[in-house]
Amino acid sequence: MSHSDTIWDDPTEMPNAYRVSTLGYTNSIEVTCLGMNCVDSECEGLYDLEDDEIPEWLEEKLSVLMLCDPTLPFNSVPIDDVGVRIDEHTFWVER
């Protein structure tokens, strides 16, 4: 995630972070929202990639993060406005 010294006057403008975890070698992902505006998060939950369609914005950001090296979790470089790859199965995505 990018570092920001922004003070938010309106909490509804704060960005959310999503933890996306692939479930081993199954064709599923779990999406968990973290942030002030997650109460009505539309994309949170478990997705079977064969049957369910994930939101386009999430799919685009995950495709960028899939290109990052999964073997360097503590040396991973966050990509501004996209997120960071933590390990082989875990991603933090910004929105």
Protein backbone atom coordinates (compact mmCIF):
# COMPACT_ATOMS: atom_id res chain seq x y z
CA MET A 1 0.00 0.00 0.00
CA SER A 2 1.18 3.49 -0.61
CA HIS A 3 2.10 5.68 2.34
CA SER A 4 0.06 8.81 2.72
CA ASP A 5 0.05 11.63 5.24
CA THR A 6 -3.45 12.64 4.24
CA ILE A 7 -5.87 13.60 7.00
CA TRP A 8 -9.37 12.67 5.93
CA ASP A 9 -12.00 15.28 6.75
CA ASP A 10 -14.73 12.99 5.49
CA PRO A 11 -14.33 9.32 6.51
CA THR A 12 -16.52 8.24 3.59
CA GLU A 13 -13.71 9.33 1.24
CA MET A 14 -11.13 7.04 2.89
CA PRO A 15 -9.96 4.20 0.65
CA ASN A 16 -10.53 0.59 1.61
CA ALA A 17 -8.01 -2.20 1.52
CA TYR A 18 -8.97 -5.70 0.47
CA ARG A 19 -7.16 -8.84 1.55
CA VAL A 20 -7.42 -11.34 -1.26
CA SER A 21 -6.39 -14.90 -0.57
CA THR A 22 -6.28 -17.74 -3.04
CA LEU A 23 -7.36 -20.95 -1.40
CA GLY A 24 -4.42 -23.22 -2.17
CA TYR A 25 -4.72 -24.87 -5.53
CA THR A 26 -8.48 -24.64 -5.72
CA ASN A 27 -10.08 -22.28 -8.20
CA SER A 28 -11.42 -19.99 -5.45
CA ILE A 29 -10.48 -16.72 -3.78
CA GLU A 30 -11.59 -15.10 -0.54
CA VAL A 31 -11.98 -11.30 -0.44
CA THR A 32 -12.05 -9.48 2.91
CA CYS A 33 -12.56 -5.71 3.15
CA LEU A 34 -10.76 -3.62 5.76
CA GLY A 35 -11.57 0.04 6.27
CA MET A 36 -14.16 2.52 7.42
CA ASN A 37 -16.41 1.99 4.40
CA CYS A 38 -16.70 -1.79 4.37
CA VAL A 39 -20.19 -2.06 5.81
CA ASP A 40 -21.83 -2.36 2.41
CA SER A 41 -18.87 -3.77 0.50
CA GLU A 42 -20.24 -5.45 -2.61
CA CYS A 43 -17.22 -7.56 -3.44
CA GLU A 44 -16.48 -9.14 -0.07
CA GLY A 45 -16.85 -12.89 0.16
CA LEU A 46 -15.84 -16.20 -1.37
CA TYR A 47 -15.62 -16.50 -5.16
CA ASP A 48 -15.54 -19.71 -7.16
CA LEU A 49 -13.71 -18.49 -10.26
CA GLU A 50 -15.42 -21.06 -12.49
CA ASP A 51 -18.92 -19.86 -11.57
CA ASP A 52 -18.64 -16.37 -10.06
CA GLU A 53 -17.50 -13.21 -11.76
CA ILE A 54 -15.30 -10.96 -9.63
CA PRO A 55 -15.54 -7.17 -10.04
CA GLU A 56 -13.55 -5.87 -13.02
CA TRP A 57 -11.50 -3.40 -10.93
CA LEU A 58 -10.40 -6.22 -8.61
CA GLU A 59 -9.57 -8.55 -11.49
CA GLU A 60 -7.40 -5.86 -13.13
CA LYS A 61 -5.45 -5.15 -9.94
CA LEU A 62 -4.94 -8.83 -9.16
CA SER A 63 -3.62 -9.43 -12.67
CA VAL A 64 -0.95 -6.76 -12.07
CA LEU A 65 -0.03 -8.18 -8.65
CA MET A 66 0.22 -11.73 -10.05
CA LEU A 67 3.26 -10.52 -11.99
CA CYS A 68 5.12 -9.67 -8.75
CA ASP A 69 7.61 -12.11 -7.21
CA PRO A 70 5.86 -14.09 -4.43
CA THR A 71 9.11 -15.26 -2.79
CA LEU A 72 10.11 -11.89 -1.34
CA PRO A 73 7.30 -10.96 1.05
CA PHE A 74 9.22 -8.42 3.10
CA ASN A 75 10.98 -6.94 0.09
CA SER A 76 7.80 -6.56 -1.93
CA VAL A 77 7.35 -3.10 -3.35
CA PRO A 78 3.83 -1.71 -3.15
CA ILE A 79 2.39 -0.50 -6.43
CA ASP A 80 0.62 2.84 -6.02
CA ASP A 81 -3.17 2.62 -6.41
CA VAL A 82 -2.94 -1.17 -6.92
CA GLY A 83 -1.57 -2.89 -3.80
CA VAL A 84 1.12 -5.39 -2.84
CA ARG A 85 1.69 -9.13 -3.11
CA ILE A 86 2.49 -10.61 0.29
CA ASP A 87 3.18 -14.22 -0.66
CA GLU A 88 2.14 -16.86 -3.17
CA HIS A 89 -1.50 -16.83 -2.03
CA THR A 90 -2.05 -13.42 -0.35
CA PHE A 91 -2.55 -9.94 -1.83
CA TRP A 92 -3.50 -6.54 -0.41
CA VAL A 93 -5.49 -4.54 -2.95
CA GLU A 94 -6.33 -0.82 -2.70
CA ARG A 95 -9.58 0.73 -3.74
